[in-house]
Amino acid sequence: MEINDFVENFANQFDDTNPSEIKLDTVYKDLDEWSSLLSLTIIAMCDDEYSVKVTGDDIKKSTTVEDLYNLVLNRQ
C-alpha cells in the first residue's frame, strides 16, 4: 500500500473539501466537512480498498490521516 494512494483515497471520500487540503498531517476531524457519516465512509473505504477492519474507536483514537494510514498498514 502506497502512502500517497491512501491519502488520495481518503481525500476522495470528501465531496466539498478540496483534495489538496488533505495531507498526511491533516487533523481530519478539524475539516469542516467531517461528520459521523464520513467516519463510516472511511471505515468502508478501509474495508473495501485494503481489506482492513477499522472501528469507530480506531477513528476516535486517530488524529491525523497518517495515524489512520499506519493503523491500516499495521493490520494488513
N, C-alpha and C. Protein backbone atom coordinates (compact mmCIF):
# COMPACT_ATOMS: atom_id res chain seq x y z
N MET A 1 0.85 -1.17 0.00
CA MET A 1 0.00 0.00 0.00
C MET A 1 0.90 1.23 0.00
N GLU A 2 0.67 2.07 -0.97
CA GLU A 2 1.43 3.31 -1.08
C GLU A 2 0.76 4.41 -0.26
N ILE A 3 1.56 5.17 0.45
CA ILE A 3 1.03 6.22 1.31
C ILE A 3 0.28 7.30 0.52
N ASN A 4 0.79 7.65 -0.64
CA ASN A 4 0.13 8.68 -1.46
C ASN A 4 -1.22 8.20 -1.97
N ASP A 5 -1.31 6.92 -2.28
CA ASP A 5 -2.59 6.35 -2.71
C ASP A 5 -3.60 6.38 -1.58
N PHE A 6 -3.14 6.10 -0.37
CA PHE A 6 -4.04 6.13 0.78
C PHE A 6 -4.57 7.55 0.99
N VAL A 7 -3.69 8.53 0.94
CA VAL A 7 -4.12 9.93 1.13
C VAL A 7 -5.12 10.31 0.03
N GLU A 8 -4.84 9.91 -1.19
CA GLU A 8 -5.76 10.21 -2.30
C GLU A 8 -7.11 9.53 -2.10
N ASN A 9 -7.11 8.27 -1.71
CA ASN A 9 -8.37 7.56 -1.45
C ASN A 9 -9.13 8.21 -0.31
N PHE A 10 -8.42 8.60 0.74
CA PHE A 10 -9.04 9.28 1.87
C PHE A 10 -9.68 10.58 1.40
N ALA A 11 -8.93 11.39 0.66
CA ALA A 11 -9.43 12.68 0.18
C ALA A 11 -10.64 12.52 -0.74
N ASN A 12 -10.68 11.45 -1.50
CA ASN A 12 -11.79 11.22 -2.43
C ASN A 12 -13.11 10.92 -1.72
N GLN A 13 -13.07 10.66 -0.44
CA GLN A 13 -14.30 10.39 0.31
C GLN A 13 -15.06 11.68 0.63
N PHE A 14 -14.40 12.81 0.48
CA PHE A 14 -14.99 14.10 0.79
C PHE A 14 -15.57 14.72 -0.49
N ASP A 15 -16.77 15.28 -0.37
CA ASP A 15 -17.41 15.90 -1.52
C ASP A 15 -17.06 17.38 -1.66
N ASP A 16 -16.99 18.09 -0.53
CA ASP A 16 -16.85 19.55 -0.58
C ASP A 16 -15.48 20.06 -0.15
N THR A 17 -14.60 19.17 0.23
CA THR A 17 -13.27 19.57 0.67
C THR A 17 -12.30 19.39 -0.48
N ASN A 18 -11.50 20.42 -0.74
CA ASN A 18 -10.51 20.36 -1.80
C ASN A 18 -9.48 19.29 -1.43
N PRO A 19 -9.24 18.34 -2.32
CA PRO A 19 -8.28 17.26 -2.02
C PRO A 19 -6.89 17.77 -1.66
N SER A 20 -6.52 18.95 -2.16
CA SER A 20 -5.19 19.49 -1.84
C SER A 20 -5.07 19.89 -0.37
N GLU A 21 -6.20 20.02 0.33
CA GLU A 21 -6.18 20.36 1.75
C GLU A 21 -5.83 19.15 2.62
N ILE A 22 -5.93 17.96 2.05
CA ILE A 22 -5.74 16.75 2.84
C ILE A 22 -4.35 16.18 2.58
N LYS A 23 -3.57 16.20 3.65
CA LYS A 23 -2.20 15.71 3.60
C LYS A 23 -2.01 14.73 4.76
N LEU A 24 -0.84 14.15 4.88
CA LEU A 24 -0.58 13.20 5.96
C LEU A 24 -0.80 13.80 7.34
N ASP A 25 -0.42 15.05 7.52
CA ASP A 25 -0.52 15.66 8.84
C ASP A 25 -1.85 16.37 9.09
N THR A 26 -2.80 16.20 8.18
CA THR A 26 -4.11 16.81 8.34
C THR A 26 -4.85 16.17 9.52
N VAL A 27 -5.32 17.02 10.41
CA VAL A 27 -6.18 16.57 11.51
C VAL A 27 -7.59 16.52 10.91
N TYR A 28 -7.96 15.36 10.44
CA TYR A 28 -9.18 15.24 9.63
C TYR A 28 -10.44 15.61 10.37
N LYS A 29 -10.47 15.47 11.68
CA LYS A 29 -11.66 15.84 12.44
C LYS A 29 -11.86 17.35 12.49
N ASP A 30 -10.82 18.11 12.15
CA ASP A 30 -10.93 19.57 12.10
C ASP A 30 -11.48 20.08 10.77
N LEU A 31 -11.60 19.20 9.79
CA LEU A 31 -12.14 19.62 8.50
C LEU A 31 -13.63 19.92 8.64
N ASP A 32 -14.07 21.00 8.01
CA ASP A 32 -15.47 21.43 8.12
C ASP A 32 -16.45 20.33 7.73
N GLU A 33 -16.07 19.54 6.76
CA GLU A 33 -16.97 18.51 6.23
C GLU A 33 -17.02 17.24 7.08
N TRP A 34 -16.11 17.09 8.04
CA TRP A 34 -16.04 15.87 8.83
C TRP A 34 -17.36 15.64 9.58
N SER A 35 -17.83 14.40 9.54
CA SER A 35 -19.08 14.05 10.22
C SER A 35 -19.06 12.56 10.56
N SER A 36 -20.06 12.14 11.28
CA SER A 36 -20.16 10.71 11.60
C SER A 36 -20.39 9.89 10.33
N LEU A 37 -21.09 10.46 9.37
CA LEU A 37 -21.31 9.77 8.09
C LEU A 37 -19.98 9.57 7.36
N LEU A 38 -19.13 10.58 7.37
CA LEU A 38 -17.82 10.44 6.73
C LEU A 38 -16.96 9.43 7.47
N SER A 39 -17.12 9.36 8.77
CA SER A 39 -16.41 8.36 9.56
C SER A 39 -16.77 6.96 9.07
N LEU A 40 -18.05 6.72 8.86
CA LEU A 40 -18.49 5.42 8.34
C LEU A 40 -17.97 5.18 6.93
N THR A 41 -17.90 6.24 6.14
CA THR A 41 -17.38 6.13 4.77
C THR A 41 -15.91 5.74 4.79
N ILE A 42 -15.14 6.31 5.70
CA ILE A 42 -13.72 5.97 5.83
C ILE A 42 -13.56 4.52 6.29
N ILE A 43 -14.39 4.08 7.21
CA ILE A 43 -14.37 2.69 7.66
C ILE A 43 -14.63 1.75 6.48
N ALA A 44 -15.63 2.10 5.67
CA ALA A 44 -15.95 1.29 4.48
C ALA A 44 -14.82 1.31 3.47
N MET A 45 -14.18 2.48 3.29
CA MET A 45 -13.06 2.58 2.35
C MET A 45 -11.93 1.64 2.78
N CYS A 46 -11.61 1.63 4.06
CA CYS A 46 -10.53 0.77 4.56
C CYS A 46 -10.86 -0.70 4.31
N ASP A 47 -12.11 -1.06 4.49
CA ASP A 47 -12.53 -2.44 4.26
C ASP A 47 -12.50 -2.78 2.78
N ASP A 48 -13.07 -1.92 1.95
CA ASP A 48 -13.16 -2.19 0.51
C ASP A 48 -11.81 -2.13 -0.19
N GLU A 49 -11.03 -1.10 0.09
CA GLU A 49 -9.78 -0.88 -0.64
C GLU A 49 -8.61 -1.69 -0.09
N TYR A 50 -8.60 -1.92 1.24
CA TYR A 50 -7.42 -2.52 1.86
C TYR A 50 -7.74 -3.81 2.64
N SER A 51 -9.01 -4.21 2.66
CA SER A 51 -9.44 -5.41 3.39
C SER A 51 -9.02 -5.36 4.86
N VAL A 52 -9.15 -4.17 5.45
CA VAL A 52 -8.80 -3.96 6.84
C VAL A 52 -10.02 -3.45 7.58
N LYS A 53 -10.32 -4.08 8.71
CA LYS A 53 -11.43 -3.66 9.55
C LYS A 53 -10.96 -2.53 10.47
N VAL A 54 -11.59 -1.38 10.33
CA VAL A 54 -11.33 -0.22 11.19
C VAL A 54 -12.62 0.03 11.95
N THR A 55 -12.50 0.30 13.24
CA THR A 55 -13.69 0.51 14.07
C THR A 55 -13.88 2.00 14.35
N GLY A 56 -15.03 2.31 14.89
CA GLY A 56 -15.30 3.68 15.30
C GLY A 56 -14.31 4.13 16.36
N ASP A 57 -13.93 3.23 17.26
CA ASP A 57 -12.92 3.56 18.28
C ASP A 57 -11.57 3.87 17.65
N ASP A 58 -11.23 3.15 16.58
CA ASP A 58 -9.98 3.43 15.86
C ASP A 58 -10.01 4.86 15.31
N ILE A 59 -11.14 5.23 14.75
CA ILE A 59 -11.29 6.58 14.20
C ILE A 59 -11.16 7.61 15.33
N LYS A 60 -11.80 7.35 16.45
CA LYS A 60 -11.74 8.29 17.59
C LYS A 60 -10.32 8.44 18.12
N LYS A 61 -9.57 7.36 18.15
CA LYS A 61 -8.22 7.38 18.70
C LYS A 61 -7.19 7.99 17.74
N SER A 62 -7.51 8.01 16.47
CA SER A 62 -6.60 8.57 15.46
C SER A 62 -6.83 10.07 15.36
N THR A 63 -5.77 10.76 15.02
CA THR A 63 -5.86 12.21 14.90
C THR A 63 -5.63 12.68 13.47
N THR A 64 -4.60 12.15 12.85
CA THR A 64 -4.23 12.60 11.51
C THR A 64 -4.48 11.49 10.48
N VAL A 65 -4.39 11.88 9.23
CA VAL A 65 -4.50 10.91 8.14
C VAL A 65 -3.37 9.88 8.26
N GLU A 66 -2.20 10.33 8.66
CA GLU A 66 -1.07 9.42 8.83
C GLU A 66 -1.35 8.39 9.93
N ASP A 67 -2.01 8.80 10.99
CA ASP A 67 -2.39 7.85 12.05
C ASP A 67 -3.24 6.72 11.47
N LEU A 68 -4.21 7.09 10.65
CA LEU A 68 -5.08 6.08 10.03
C LEU A 68 -4.30 5.20 9.06
N TYR A 69 -3.42 5.83 8.29
CA TYR A 69 -2.60 5.07 7.36
C TYR A 69 -1.78 4.01 8.12
N ASN A 70 -1.13 4.43 9.20
CA ASN A 70 -0.31 3.49 9.98
C ASN A 70 -1.15 2.38 10.58
N LEU A 71 -2.34 2.70 11.02
CA LEU A 71 -3.24 1.69 11.57
C LEU A 71 -3.60 0.65 10.52
N VAL A 72 -3.96 1.12 9.33
CA VAL A 72 -4.33 0.21 8.24
C VAL A 72 -3.11 -0.60 7.81
N LEU A 73 -1.98 0.04 7.69
CA LEU A 73 -0.75 -0.65 7.28
C LEU A 73 -0.39 -1.76 8.27
N ASN A 74 -0.53 -1.49 9.55
CA ASN A 74 -0.18 -2.48 10.57
C ASN A 74 -1.16 -3.64 10.64
N ARG A 75 -2.34 -3.47 10.09
CA ARG A 75 -3.35 -4.55 10.12
C ARG A 75 -3.41 -5.35 8.83
N GLN A 76 -2.64 -4.96 7.85
CA GLN A 76 -2.66 -5.71 6.59
C GLN A 76 -1.92 -7.00 6.71
